[in-house]
Amino acid sequence: MITDNHSITAIQEAVREFRDAREWRQFHSPKNLSMSIAIEAAELMEHFQWLTTEQATALTQADSPARQAVTEELADVLIYCFSLADIVGCDVAEIIFDKLSKSAQKYPVEEYRGRF
């Protein structure tokens, strides 16, 4: 497993700098950011609404305006996630590795490979 979080740290810093340059921290409460994550996630889901699994997969693999729109919505979700982590003082790499470790214990490979 990769443990270098340099790129994650760089992303978090870039998001922080973008926010601070616009003096938006005053609006970035945990409540507002969590709501923004949900709103942007809904906008992401909207691109897949009513599509079959095959159509949704094809949409993400084609070089098209629809794929570009999906990646921009995904970026919005991630930016708000990084912003929330920053506001609540979380190290993104640390919390992800911790959660993966807990999930590995809860869902051992031998028991869950290929199953939900």
N, C-alpha and C. Protein backbone atom coordinates (compact mmCIF):
# COMPACT_ATOMS: atom_id res chain seq x y z
N MET A 1 0.84 -1.18 0.00
CA MET A 1 0.00 0.00 0.00
C MET A 1 0.89 1.25 0.00
N ILE A 2 0.50 2.23 -0.75
CA ILE A 2 1.25 3.49 -0.83
C ILE A 2 1.03 4.26 0.47
N THR A 3 2.11 4.76 1.06
CA THR A 3 1.96 5.52 2.31
C THR A 3 2.43 6.96 2.17
N ASP A 4 2.93 7.33 1.00
CA ASP A 4 3.39 8.71 0.80
C ASP A 4 2.17 9.60 0.58
N ASN A 5 1.97 10.58 1.44
CA ASN A 5 0.81 11.45 1.30
C ASN A 5 1.19 12.83 0.76
N HIS A 6 2.36 12.93 0.13
CA HIS A 6 2.80 14.23 -0.39
C HIS A 6 1.75 14.83 -1.32
N SER A 7 1.23 14.05 -2.26
CA SER A 7 0.27 14.62 -3.19
C SER A 7 -1.04 14.99 -2.49
N ILE A 8 -1.44 14.23 -1.50
CA ILE A 8 -2.64 14.57 -0.74
C ILE A 8 -2.41 15.88 0.01
N THR A 9 -1.24 16.01 0.63
CA THR A 9 -0.91 17.24 1.35
C THR A 9 -0.90 18.43 0.40
N ALA A 10 -0.34 18.25 -0.78
CA ALA A 10 -0.31 19.33 -1.77
C ALA A 10 -1.71 19.74 -2.20
N ILE A 11 -2.58 18.76 -2.39
CA ILE A 11 -3.97 19.06 -2.76
C ILE A 11 -4.66 19.82 -1.65
N GLN A 12 -4.50 19.36 -0.42
CA GLN A 12 -5.15 20.02 0.71
C GLN A 12 -4.66 21.47 0.83
N GLU A 13 -3.38 21.68 0.64
CA GLU A 13 -2.83 23.03 0.71
C GLU A 13 -3.37 23.90 -0.42
N ALA A 14 -3.48 23.35 -1.63
CA ALA A 14 -4.00 24.12 -2.77
C ALA A 14 -5.46 24.51 -2.52
N VAL A 15 -6.25 23.59 -1.98
CA VAL A 15 -7.65 23.90 -1.66
C VAL A 15 -7.72 24.99 -0.60
N ARG A 16 -6.87 24.88 0.42
CA ARG A 16 -6.83 25.89 1.49
C ARG A 16 -6.45 27.26 0.92
N GLU A 17 -5.44 27.31 0.07
CA GLU A 17 -5.00 28.57 -0.52
C GLU A 17 -6.10 29.19 -1.38
N PHE A 18 -6.79 28.37 -2.16
CA PHE A 18 -7.90 28.86 -2.99
C PHE A 18 -8.97 29.49 -2.11
N ARG A 19 -9.34 28.77 -1.04
CA ARG A 19 -10.36 29.27 -0.10
C ARG A 19 -9.92 30.57 0.57
N ASP A 20 -8.71 30.57 1.08
CA ASP A 20 -8.24 31.73 1.85
C ASP A 20 -8.05 32.97 0.99
N ALA A 21 -7.65 32.80 -0.26
CA ALA A 21 -7.48 33.94 -1.16
C ALA A 21 -8.81 34.67 -1.38
N ARG A 22 -9.91 33.94 -1.27
CA ARG A 22 -11.24 34.52 -1.48
C ARG A 22 -11.95 34.86 -0.17
N GLU A 23 -11.26 34.64 0.95
CA GLU A 23 -11.82 34.88 2.28
C GLU A 23 -13.13 34.10 2.48
N TRP A 24 -13.15 32.84 2.07
CA TRP A 24 -14.34 32.01 2.19
C TRP A 24 -14.33 31.16 3.46
N ARG A 25 -13.26 31.16 4.24
CA ARG A 25 -13.22 30.31 5.43
C ARG A 25 -14.38 30.62 6.37
N GLN A 26 -14.80 31.88 6.39
CA GLN A 26 -15.91 32.28 7.26
C GLN A 26 -17.20 31.52 6.95
N PHE A 27 -17.32 31.00 5.74
CA PHE A 27 -18.51 30.26 5.34
C PHE A 27 -18.34 28.74 5.49
N HIS A 28 -17.11 28.32 5.79
CA HIS A 28 -16.79 26.89 5.79
C HIS A 28 -16.93 26.26 7.17
N SER A 29 -18.14 26.19 7.65
CA SER A 29 -18.42 25.46 8.89
C SER A 29 -18.58 23.98 8.53
N PRO A 30 -18.41 23.10 9.50
CA PRO A 30 -18.66 21.68 9.22
C PRO A 30 -20.06 21.43 8.65
N LYS A 31 -21.05 22.13 9.18
CA LYS A 31 -22.42 21.99 8.68
C LYS A 31 -22.51 22.38 7.21
N ASN A 32 -22.00 23.56 6.88
CA ASN A 32 -22.09 24.02 5.49
C ASN A 32 -21.31 23.12 4.54
N LEU A 33 -20.13 22.68 4.96
CA LEU A 33 -19.32 21.84 4.09
C LEU A 33 -19.94 20.47 3.90
N SER A 34 -20.48 19.88 4.97
CA SER A 34 -21.11 18.57 4.83
C SER A 34 -22.33 18.65 3.91
N MET A 35 -23.07 19.75 4.02
CA MET A 35 -24.21 19.95 3.12
C MET A 35 -23.74 20.13 1.68
N SER A 36 -22.65 20.85 1.50
CA SER A 36 -22.12 21.06 0.15
C SER A 36 -21.65 19.75 -0.47
N ILE A 37 -21.06 18.88 0.35
CA ILE A 37 -20.65 17.56 -0.16
C ILE A 37 -21.87 16.81 -0.67
N ALA A 38 -22.94 16.80 0.11
CA ALA A 38 -24.15 16.09 -0.29
C ALA A 38 -24.76 16.69 -1.55
N ILE A 39 -24.77 17.99 -1.64
CA ILE A 39 -25.34 18.67 -2.81
C ILE A 39 -24.54 18.34 -4.06
N GLU A 40 -23.21 18.44 -3.95
CA GLU A 40 -22.37 18.13 -5.11
C GLU A 40 -22.44 16.66 -5.48
N ALA A 41 -22.57 15.78 -4.47
CA ALA A 41 -22.72 14.35 -4.76
C ALA A 41 -24.02 14.09 -5.53
N ALA A 42 -25.07 14.82 -5.16
CA ALA A 42 -26.34 14.69 -5.88
C ALA A 42 -26.18 15.17 -7.33
N GLU A 43 -25.44 16.25 -7.53
CA GLU A 43 -25.19 16.73 -8.89
C GLU A 43 -24.39 15.70 -9.68
N LEU A 44 -23.46 15.02 -9.04
CA LEU A 44 -22.71 13.95 -9.69
C LEU A 44 -23.64 12.80 -10.07
N MET A 45 -24.49 12.40 -9.14
CA MET A 45 -25.42 11.29 -9.40
C MET A 45 -26.38 11.62 -10.54
N GLU A 46 -26.72 12.87 -10.68
CA GLU A 46 -27.67 13.28 -11.71
C GLU A 46 -27.20 12.87 -13.11
N HIS A 47 -25.89 12.85 -13.33
CA HIS A 47 -25.36 12.46 -14.64
C HIS A 47 -25.61 10.99 -14.96
N PHE A 48 -25.84 10.18 -13.94
CA PHE A 48 -26.04 8.75 -14.12
C PHE A 48 -27.50 8.32 -13.96
N GLN A 49 -28.32 9.27 -13.53
CA GLN A 49 -29.74 8.97 -13.30
C GLN A 49 -30.37 8.42 -14.57
N TRP A 50 -31.08 7.34 -14.43
CA TRP A 50 -31.84 6.68 -15.49
C TRP A 50 -30.98 5.92 -16.50
N LEU A 51 -29.68 5.91 -16.32
CA LEU A 51 -28.83 5.13 -17.22
C LEU A 51 -28.72 3.70 -16.72
N THR A 52 -28.53 2.79 -17.65
CA THR A 52 -28.21 1.42 -17.25
C THR A 52 -26.77 1.40 -16.75
N THR A 53 -26.41 0.32 -16.09
CA THR A 53 -25.02 0.18 -15.63
C THR A 53 -24.07 0.27 -16.81
N GLU A 54 -24.43 -0.34 -17.90
CA GLU A 54 -23.58 -0.32 -19.10
C GLU A 54 -23.45 1.10 -19.66
N GLN A 55 -24.54 1.82 -19.72
CA GLN A 55 -24.50 3.20 -20.22
C GLN A 55 -23.67 4.09 -19.32
N ALA A 56 -23.81 3.92 -18.01
CA ALA A 56 -23.05 4.73 -17.05
C ALA A 56 -21.56 4.44 -17.19
N THR A 57 -21.21 3.19 -17.34
CA THR A 57 -19.81 2.82 -17.52
C THR A 57 -19.26 3.40 -18.81
N ALA A 58 -20.03 3.31 -19.88
CA ALA A 58 -19.59 3.86 -21.17
C ALA A 58 -19.40 5.37 -21.09
N LEU A 59 -20.29 6.04 -20.36
CA LEU A 59 -20.19 7.50 -20.21
C LEU A 59 -18.85 7.89 -19.59
N THR A 60 -18.39 7.12 -18.62
CA THR A 60 -17.15 7.47 -17.93
C THR A 60 -15.91 7.10 -18.73
N GLN A 61 -16.06 6.26 -19.74
CA GLN A 61 -14.90 5.83 -20.52
C GLN A 61 -14.74 6.59 -21.82
N ALA A 62 -15.75 7.29 -22.24
CA ALA A 62 -15.69 8.05 -23.48
C ALA A 62 -15.07 9.42 -23.23
N ASP A 63 -14.33 9.90 -24.21
CA ASP A 63 -13.80 11.27 -24.13
C ASP A 63 -14.88 12.19 -24.68
N SER A 64 -15.71 12.71 -23.77
CA SER A 64 -16.88 13.47 -24.20
C SER A 64 -17.18 14.59 -23.22
N PRO A 65 -18.03 15.52 -23.63
CA PRO A 65 -18.47 16.56 -22.70
C PRO A 65 -19.17 15.97 -21.47
N ALA A 66 -19.87 14.86 -21.62
CA ALA A 66 -20.55 14.24 -20.48
C ALA A 66 -19.53 13.73 -19.47
N ARG A 67 -18.47 13.10 -19.94
CA ARG A 67 -17.42 12.62 -19.04
C ARG A 67 -16.75 13.80 -18.35
N GLN A 68 -16.51 14.88 -19.08
CA GLN A 68 -15.91 16.08 -18.50
C GLN A 68 -16.80 16.64 -17.39
N ALA A 69 -18.10 16.64 -17.61
CA ALA A 69 -19.03 17.14 -16.60
C ALA A 69 -18.99 16.26 -15.35
N VAL A 70 -18.88 14.96 -15.53
CA VAL A 70 -18.79 14.03 -14.40
C VAL A 70 -17.51 14.29 -13.62
N THR A 71 -16.39 14.47 -14.31
CA THR A 71 -15.13 14.69 -13.60
C THR A 71 -15.14 16.02 -12.85
N GLU A 72 -15.80 17.02 -13.40
CA GLU A 72 -15.89 18.31 -12.70
C GLU A 72 -16.75 18.20 -11.45
N GLU A 73 -17.85 17.44 -11.51
CA GLU A 73 -18.67 17.24 -10.31
C GLU A 73 -17.91 16.42 -9.27
N LEU A 74 -17.17 15.42 -9.71
CA LEU A 74 -16.35 14.63 -8.79
C LEU A 74 -15.31 15.52 -8.12
N ALA A 75 -14.70 16.41 -8.88
CA ALA A 75 -13.73 17.34 -8.31
C ALA A 75 -14.40 18.23 -7.26
N ASP A 76 -15.61 18.69 -7.52
CA ASP A 76 -16.33 19.51 -6.54
C ASP A 76 -16.54 18.73 -5.24
N VAL A 77 -16.96 17.48 -5.35
CA VAL A 77 -17.15 16.65 -4.16
C VAL A 77 -15.85 16.53 -3.38
N LEU A 78 -14.78 16.22 -4.09
CA LEU A 78 -13.48 16.03 -3.43
C LEU A 78 -12.97 17.33 -2.81
N ILE A 79 -13.15 18.44 -3.49
CA ILE A 79 -12.71 19.73 -2.94
C ILE A 79 -13.43 20.02 -1.63
N TYR A 80 -14.75 19.78 -1.60
CA TYR A 80 -15.48 20.00 -0.36
C TYR A 80 -15.05 19.01 0.72
N CYS A 81 -14.74 17.78 0.34
CA CYS A 81 -14.25 16.79 1.32
C CYS A 81 -12.91 17.25 1.90
N PHE A 82 -12.01 17.70 1.05
CA PHE A 82 -10.73 18.20 1.55
C PHE A 82 -10.93 19.44 2.42
N SER A 83 -11.88 20.27 2.05
CA SER A 83 -12.16 21.47 2.84
C SER A 83 -12.69 21.10 4.22
N LEU A 84 -13.58 20.14 4.28
CA LEU A 84 -14.12 19.71 5.57
C LEU A 84 -13.02 19.10 6.43
N ALA A 85 -12.17 18.27 5.82
CA ALA A 85 -11.06 17.68 6.57
C ALA A 85 -10.17 18.77 7.14
N ASP A 86 -9.93 19.81 6.37
CA ASP A 86 -9.09 20.91 6.83
C ASP A 86 -9.73 21.63 8.01
N ILE A 87 -11.01 21.93 7.90
CA ILE A 87 -11.72 22.68 8.94
C ILE A 87 -11.79 21.90 10.25
N VAL A 88 -11.98 20.58 10.16
CA VAL A 88 -12.09 19.79 11.39
C VAL A 88 -10.73 19.25 11.85
N GLY A 89 -9.67 19.59 11.11
CA GLY A 89 -8.32 19.24 11.53
C GLY A 89 -7.95 17.78 11.32
N CYS A 90 -8.40 17.21 10.22
CA CYS A 90 -8.07 15.82 9.91
C CYS A 90 -6.95 15.73 8.89
N ASP A 91 -6.05 14.79 9.11
CA ASP A 91 -5.05 14.44 8.11
C ASP A 91 -5.72 13.43 7.17
N VAL A 92 -5.94 13.83 5.93
CA VAL A 92 -6.71 13.01 4.99
C VAL A 92 -6.08 11.63 4.82
N ALA A 93 -4.79 11.58 4.59
CA ALA A 93 -4.14 10.28 4.41
C ALA A 93 -4.31 9.41 5.65
N GLU A 94 -4.14 10.00 6.81
CA GLU A 94 -4.25 9.25 8.06
C GLU A 94 -5.64 8.66 8.25
N ILE A 95 -6.67 9.46 8.02
CA ILE A 95 -8.02 8.94 8.25
C ILE A 95 -8.41 7.89 7.21
N ILE A 96 -7.91 8.04 5.98
CA ILE A 96 -8.21 7.03 4.96
C ILE A 96 -7.49 5.73 5.27
N PHE A 97 -6.20 5.79 5.60
CA PHE A 97 -5.48 4.57 5.94
C PHE A 97 -6.08 3.90 7.17
N ASP A 98 -6.50 4.69 8.16
CA ASP A 98 -7.12 4.14 9.35
C ASP A 98 -8.42 3.42 8.99
N LYS A 99 -9.24 4.04 8.17
CA LYS A 99 -10.52 3.43 7.78
C LYS A 99 -10.30 2.17 6.95
N LEU A 100 -9.31 2.19 6.04
CA LEU A 100 -9.01 0.99 5.26
C LEU A 100 -8.56 -0.16 6.17
N SER A 101 -7.77 0.16 7.17
CA SER A 101 -7.32 -0.85 8.11
C SER A 101 -8.50 -1.46 8.87
N LYS A 102 -9.41 -0.60 9.35
CA LYS A 102 -10.59 -1.09 10.05
C LYS A 102 -11.49 -1.92 9.13
N SER A 103 -11.63 -1.48 7.89
CA SER A 103 -12.46 -2.21 6.92
C SER A 103 -11.84 -3.55 6.56
N ALA A 104 -10.51 -3.60 6.50
CA ALA A 104 -9.83 -4.87 6.21
C ALA A 104 -10.10 -5.88 7.32
N GLN A 105 -10.18 -5.42 8.55
CA GLN A 105 -10.49 -6.30 9.68
C GLN A 105 -11.95 -6.76 9.62
N LYS A 106 -12.81 -5.83 9.28
CA LYS A 106 -14.25 -6.11 9.25
C LYS A 106 -14.62 -7.01 8.07
N TYR A 107 -13.93 -6.83 6.94
CA TYR A 107 -14.22 -7.56 5.71
C TYR A 107 -12.98 -8.30 5.22
N PRO A 108 -12.61 -9.40 5.85
CA PRO A 108 -11.41 -10.11 5.43
C PRO A 108 -11.51 -10.60 3.98
N VAL A 109 -10.42 -10.51 3.27
CA VAL A 109 -10.38 -10.87 1.85
C VAL A 109 -10.92 -12.28 1.63
N GLU A 110 -10.48 -13.22 2.46
CA GLU A 110 -10.87 -14.62 2.27
C GLU A 110 -12.38 -14.81 2.32
N GLU A 111 -13.05 -13.98 3.10
CA GLU A 111 -14.49 -14.13 3.28
C GLU A 111 -15.29 -13.27 2.31
N TYR A 112 -14.74 -12.16 1.87
CA TYR A 112 -15.53 -11.20 1.08
C TYR A 112 -15.08 -11.01 -0.35
N ARG A 113 -14.07 -11.71 -0.80
CA ARG A 113 -13.60 -11.54 -2.19
C ARG A 113 -14.76 -11.80 -3.16
N GLY A 114 -15.08 -10.80 -3.98
CA GLY A 114 -16.12 -10.94 -4.98
C GLY A 114 -17.54 -10.93 -4.46
N ARG A 115 -17.72 -10.57 -3.17
CA ARG A 115 -19.04 -10.56 -2.55
C ARG A 115 -19.29 -9.23 -1.87
N PHE A 116 -20.54 -8.89 -1.71
CA PHE A 116 -20.91 -7.71 -0.94
C PHE A 116 -21.32 -8.14 0.43
